[in-house]
């Protein structure tokens, strides 16, 4: 390295780019980086209320992302998994600089709305989150297609509404974030998924609107992403995101929180 090169200062964008590279997030592609620094600044920490000291991510395997369930405490890298909760939590902890901020991941692979209902008190209510983020729905149709579940779209919507009613009653000040269920047309996802999957997405949106929750448009995020790279680049089996896919989810989540 030349002395001139060694003295050169990194710009803000270069610094953030190098940080993303360290987490593998540059797999999301150069196309999303312009303006990204300003968007993340807007999302954190100013857009988070001071009382929101506990952030909880709930859902299925997409949220679980291989987390170590033996380490269930907050802000533990192993307990956060390798997906969007880890990326979001890392960013918020690094930018908010608040020792009292606690980020939890309670996603469990394979879970559907009825599974969340069975563990909701322990894994959600008892943690008293200031922000509760929920992504659930893909297993509710996938397991049905595999003959392992018989729940209808109406069952999904009813159970989801009940979860949020229970949450509002116990935790009236909690900010609820509903993440849109999504799939990409590749891998395990074929024509048999439709139109029912779209009906379940619409049901999730109605649930969010009824609860006056923040909505994260993940399907729209991936519909736009396939304009930049093939569907398998973002989720090889059409359901579970790649590193790049999880980073796109992270950006979409932070944008939704900012707004």
Protein backbone atom coordinates (compact mmCIF):
# COMPACT_ATOMS: atom_id res chain seq x y z
CA UNK A 1 0.00 0.00 0.00
CA UNK A 2 1.39 3.40 -0.94
CA UNK A 3 1.72 6.14 1.67
CA UNK A 4 -0.72 8.29 -0.31
CA UNK A 5 -3.30 5.52 -0.31
CA UNK A 6 -2.76 4.87 3.37
CA UNK A 7 -3.49 8.50 4.24
CA UNK A 8 -6.70 8.68 2.26
CA UNK A 9 -9.79 9.00 4.46
CA UNK A 10 -12.85 6.87 3.89
CA UNK A 11 -16.01 8.67 2.93
CA UNK A 12 -19.16 7.96 4.92
CA UNK A 13 -20.54 5.77 2.15
CA UNK A 14 -17.28 3.83 1.86
CA UNK A 15 -17.23 3.29 5.61
CA UNK A 16 -20.79 1.96 5.66
CA UNK A 17 -20.01 -0.17 2.61
CA UNK A 18 -17.07 -1.76 4.38
CA UNK A 19 -19.20 -2.41 7.45
CA UNK A 20 -21.87 -4.13 5.39
CA UNK A 21 -19.20 -6.21 3.70
CA UNK A 22 -18.01 -7.40 7.09
CA UNK A 23 -21.47 -8.88 7.76
CA UNK A 24 -21.81 -10.34 4.28
CA UNK A 25 -24.52 -7.83 3.45
CA UNK A 26 -22.90 -6.59 0.26
CA UNK A 27 -24.39 -9.67 -1.38
CA UNK A 28 -27.50 -7.50 -1.61
CA UNK A 29 -25.81 -5.71 -4.47
CA UNK A 30 -24.55 -2.27 -5.31
CA UNK A 31 -27.96 -1.21 -6.58
CA UNK A 32 -29.34 -0.58 -3.07
CA UNK A 33 -26.37 1.30 -1.64
CA UNK A 34 -26.91 4.82 -3.07
CA UNK A 35 -28.73 6.81 -0.41
CA UNK A 36 -28.74 3.85 1.96
CA UNK A 37 -26.67 5.59 4.63
CA UNK A 38 -29.16 8.43 4.93
CA UNK A 39 -32.08 6.00 5.13
CA UNK A 40 -30.50 4.02 7.94
CA UNK A 41 -29.70 7.23 9.78
CA UNK A 42 -33.35 8.19 9.50
CA UNK A 43 -34.47 4.80 10.78
CA UNK A 44 -32.20 4.74 13.80
CA UNK A 45 -32.13 5.89 16.45
CA UNK A 46 -34.40 8.95 16.14
CA UNK A 47 -37.46 7.09 14.87
CA UNK A 48 -37.51 4.76 17.89
CA UNK A 49 -39.33 5.96 20.96
CA UNK A 50 -37.26 6.23 24.12
CA UNK A 51 -39.56 3.85 25.99
CA UNK A 52 -39.06 1.08 23.42
CA UNK A 53 -36.19 -0.54 25.26
CA UNK A 54 -37.17 -4.10 24.31
CA UNK A 55 -37.48 -5.23 20.69
CA UNK A 56 -38.82 -8.73 20.00
CA UNK A 57 -38.87 -10.64 16.71
CA UNK A 58 -41.45 -13.44 16.44
CA UNK A 59 -42.21 -15.91 13.70
CA UNK A 60 -41.10 -19.10 11.98
CA UNK A 61 -37.86 -20.35 10.40
CA UNK A 62 -37.31 -17.15 8.42
CA UNK A 63 -37.07 -15.28 11.71
CA UNK A 64 -35.43 -18.17 13.58
CA UNK A 65 -32.61 -18.26 11.01
CA UNK A 66 -30.67 -20.95 12.86
CA UNK A 67 -30.59 -19.24 16.25
CA UNK A 68 -29.19 -21.08 19.26
CA UNK A 69 -32.17 -21.58 21.57
CA UNK A 70 -29.94 -22.47 24.52
CA UNK A 71 -28.91 -18.81 24.63
CA UNK A 72 -32.22 -17.01 24.87
CA UNK A 73 -31.01 -13.78 26.44
CA UNK A 74 -31.05 -10.42 24.68
CA UNK A 75 -28.30 -9.06 22.45
CA UNK A 76 -26.63 -12.48 22.17
CA UNK A 77 -25.28 -13.04 18.63
CA UNK A 78 -25.97 -16.79 18.73
CA UNK A 79 -29.46 -16.27 20.08
CA UNK A 80 -30.29 -13.88 17.24
CA UNK A 81 -29.66 -16.30 14.38
CA UNK A 82 -28.16 -15.39 11.01
CA UNK A 83 -31.04 -13.46 9.47
CA UNK A 84 -32.79 -10.12 9.45
CA UNK A 85 -33.31 -9.95 13.27
CA UNK A 86 -29.55 -10.22 13.74
CA UNK A 87 -28.86 -7.54 11.13
CA UNK A 88 -31.53 -5.19 12.46
CA UNK A 89 -30.54 -5.74 16.07
CA UNK A 90 -26.87 -5.19 15.30
CA UNK A 91 -27.58 -1.92 13.52
CA UNK A 92 -29.87 -0.57 16.24
CA UNK A 93 -27.48 -1.50 19.05
CA UNK A 94 -24.56 0.07 17.20
CA UNK A 95 -26.38 3.31 16.40
CA UNK A 96 -28.59 3.82 19.43
CA UNK A 97 -25.65 3.33 21.83
CA UNK A 98 -28.03 2.44 24.65
CA UNK A 99 -26.92 -0.21 27.19
CA UNK A 100 -30.57 -0.66 28.21
CA UNK A 101 -31.72 -1.65 24.72
CA UNK A 102 -32.59 -5.35 24.55
CA UNK A 103 -33.19 -7.26 21.31
CA UNK A 104 -34.71 -10.74 21.36
CA UNK A 105 -35.42 -13.36 18.69
CA UNK A 106 -38.15 -15.90 19.47
CA UNK A 107 -38.81 -17.23 15.98
CA UNK A 108 -39.14 -21.04 15.80
CA UNK A 109 -38.74 -23.03 12.61
CA UNK A 110 -41.94 -24.63 11.32
CA UNK A 111 -44.32 -22.57 13.40
CA UNK A 112 -47.74 -21.45 12.29
CA UNK A 113 -50.23 -19.10 13.96
CA UNK A 114 -51.59 -21.89 16.24
CA UNK A 115 -48.04 -22.64 17.39
CA UNK A 116 -47.45 -18.99 18.26
CA UNK A 117 -50.69 -18.97 20.23
CA UNK A 118 -49.50 -21.86 22.42
CA UNK A 119 -46.32 -20.05 23.47
CA UNK A 120 -47.43 -16.42 23.25
CA UNK A 121 -47.58 -15.71 26.98
CA UNK A 122 -44.07 -16.99 27.71
CA UNK A 123 -42.33 -15.94 24.52
CA UNK A 124 -44.03 -12.59 23.98
CA UNK A 125 -46.21 -11.16 26.74
CA UNK A 126 -43.77 -11.99 29.54
CA UNK A 127 -40.93 -10.22 27.69
CA UNK A 128 -42.95 -6.97 27.60
CA UNK A 129 -41.60 -5.73 24.26
CA UNK A 130 -41.80 -2.06 23.37
CA UNK A 131 -41.66 -3.12 19.71
CA UNK A 132 -43.06 -6.49 18.64
CA UNK A 133 -42.29 -7.65 15.09
CA UNK A 134 -44.22 -10.66 13.74
CA UNK A 135 -43.68 -12.61 10.52
CA UNK A 136 -45.89 -15.70 10.20
CA UNK A 137 -47.90 -17.32 7.44
CA UNK A 138 -45.75 -19.31 5.05
CA UNK A 139 -45.99 -22.55 7.07
CA UNK A 140 -49.75 -22.09 7.42
CA UNK A 141 -50.03 -22.79 3.68
CA UNK A 142 -46.87 -24.90 3.12
CA UNK A 143 -47.85 -27.48 5.76
CA UNK A 144 -51.36 -27.53 4.32
CA UNK A 145 -50.00 -28.29 0.85
CA UNK A 146 -47.92 -31.08 2.37
CA UNK A 147 -50.97 -32.60 4.05
CA UNK A 148 -49.75 -31.80 7.57
CA UNK A 149 -52.27 -29.07 8.41
CA UNK A 150 -55.84 -28.20 7.51
CA UNK A 151 -56.07 -24.54 8.54
CA UNK A 152 -57.92 -22.23 6.16
CA UNK A 153 -57.30 -18.59 5.30
CA UNK A 154 -60.13 -17.72 7.69
CA UNK A 155 -58.44 -19.73 10.45
CA UNK A 156 -55.19 -17.87 9.83
CA UNK A 157 -56.85 -14.47 10.00
CA UNK A 158 -58.92 -15.33 13.08
CA UNK A 159 -55.94 -16.75 14.99
CA UNK A 160 -53.72 -13.83 14.02
CA UNK A 161 -56.33 -11.34 15.19
CA UNK A 162 -56.62 -13.18 18.49
CA UNK A 163 -52.87 -12.97 19.01
CA UNK A 164 -52.91 -9.23 18.57
CA UNK A 165 -56.00 -8.77 20.73
CA UNK A 166 -54.23 -10.68 23.50
CA UNK A 167 -51.17 -8.51 23.01
CA UNK A 168 -53.11 -5.22 23.03
CA UNK A 169 -54.91 -6.23 26.20
CA UNK A 170 -51.72 -7.18 28.05
CA UNK A 171 -49.38 -4.62 26.48
CA UNK A 172 -51.40 -1.61 25.29
CA UNK A 173 -48.33 0.58 24.70
CA UNK A 174 -46.43 -1.95 22.57
CA UNK A 175 -45.77 -0.92 18.98
CA UNK A 176 -46.76 -3.86 16.78
CA UNK A 177 -45.00 -4.46 13.46
CA UNK A 178 -46.63 -6.95 11.07
CA UNK A 179 -44.34 -8.28 8.37
CA UNK A 180 -45.95 -9.35 5.12
CA UNK A 181 -45.63 -13.09 4.38
CA UNK A 182 -43.77 -13.58 1.12
CA UNK A 183 -42.58 -16.21 -1.34
CA UNK A 184 -40.57 -16.16 -4.55
CA UNK A 185 -41.58 -18.31 -7.50
CA UNK A 186 -38.76 -20.83 -7.44
CA UNK A 187 -37.68 -23.94 -5.52
CA UNK A 188 -40.57 -25.33 -3.49
CA UNK A 189 -42.98 -22.59 -4.58
CA UNK A 190 -45.10 -23.51 -7.59
CA UNK A 191 -48.56 -22.75 -9.00
CA UNK A 192 -50.22 -24.85 -6.26
CA UNK A 193 -49.46 -22.06 -3.80
CA UNK A 194 -51.72 -19.63 -5.61
CA UNK A 195 -54.14 -17.94 -5.29
CA UNK A 196 -54.34 -19.06 -1.64
CA UNK A 197 -51.00 -17.60 -0.66
CA UNK A 198 -52.05 -14.19 -1.98
CA UNK A 199 -55.28 -14.53 0.01
CA UNK A 200 -53.24 -15.14 3.14
CA UNK A 201 -51.10 -12.08 2.43
CA UNK A 202 -54.27 -10.04 2.10
CA UNK A 203 -55.49 -11.49 5.41
CA UNK A 204 -52.26 -10.44 7.12
CA UNK A 205 -52.73 -6.92 5.78
CA UNK A 206 -56.26 -6.78 7.18
CA UNK A 207 -54.96 -7.98 10.55
CA UNK A 208 -52.34 -5.22 10.52
CA UNK A 209 -54.87 -2.55 9.61
CA UNK A 210 -57.30 -3.68 12.31
CA UNK A 211 -54.54 -3.55 14.92
CA UNK A 212 -53.21 -0.24 13.56
CA UNK A 213 -49.84 -1.94 13.27
CA UNK A 214 -46.83 -0.91 11.22
CA UNK A 215 -46.78 -2.88 7.94
CA UNK A 216 -43.55 -4.14 6.37
CA UNK A 217 -44.12 -4.94 2.64
CA UNK A 218 -41.78 -7.90 2.24
CA UNK A 219 -43.53 -9.31 -0.84
CA UNK A 220 -43.18 -5.99 -2.61
CA UNK A 221 -39.54 -5.90 -1.51
CA UNK A 222 -38.81 -9.23 -3.19
CA UNK A 223 -40.98 -8.50 -6.22
CA UNK A 224 -38.69 -5.51 -6.80
CA UNK A 225 -35.56 -7.52 -6.00
CA UNK A 226 -36.15 -10.00 -8.83
CA UNK A 227 -35.65 -7.11 -11.24
CA UNK A 228 -32.04 -6.99 -10.05
CA UNK A 229 -31.23 -10.72 -9.77
CA UNK A 230 -33.02 -14.07 -10.27
CA UNK A 231 -35.45 -15.29 -7.62
CA UNK A 232 -33.07 -18.05 -6.46
CA UNK A 233 -30.47 -15.39 -5.65
CA UNK A 234 -32.80 -14.02 -2.99
CA UNK A 235 -34.28 -17.31 -1.70
CA UNK A 236 -33.09 -20.61 -3.14
CA UNK A 237 -36.17 -22.60 -2.16
CA UNK A 238 -38.54 -19.69 -2.69
CA UNK A 239 -39.13 -19.32 1.06
CA UNK A 240 -35.91 -19.01 3.07
CA UNK A 241 -33.90 -15.90 2.18
CA UNK A 242 -30.24 -15.89 1.25
CA UNK A 243 -27.81 -13.45 2.86
CA UNK A 244 -28.84 -10.96 0.22
CA UNK A 245 -32.51 -11.62 0.88
CA UNK A 246 -32.16 -11.07 4.61
CA UNK A 247 -30.41 -7.78 3.95
CA UNK A 248 -33.25 -6.63 1.72
CA UNK A 249 -35.63 -7.52 4.53
CA UNK A 250 -33.52 -5.53 6.97
CA UNK A 251 -33.72 -2.44 4.78
CA UNK A 252 -37.48 -2.82 4.32
CA UNK A 253 -38.03 -3.23 8.06
CA UNK A 254 -35.98 -0.18 8.96
CA UNK A 255 -37.77 1.89 6.33
CA UNK A 256 -41.14 0.84 7.75
CA UNK A 257 -40.09 1.72 11.30
CA UNK A 258 -38.80 5.08 10.11
CA UNK A 259 -42.10 5.91 8.46
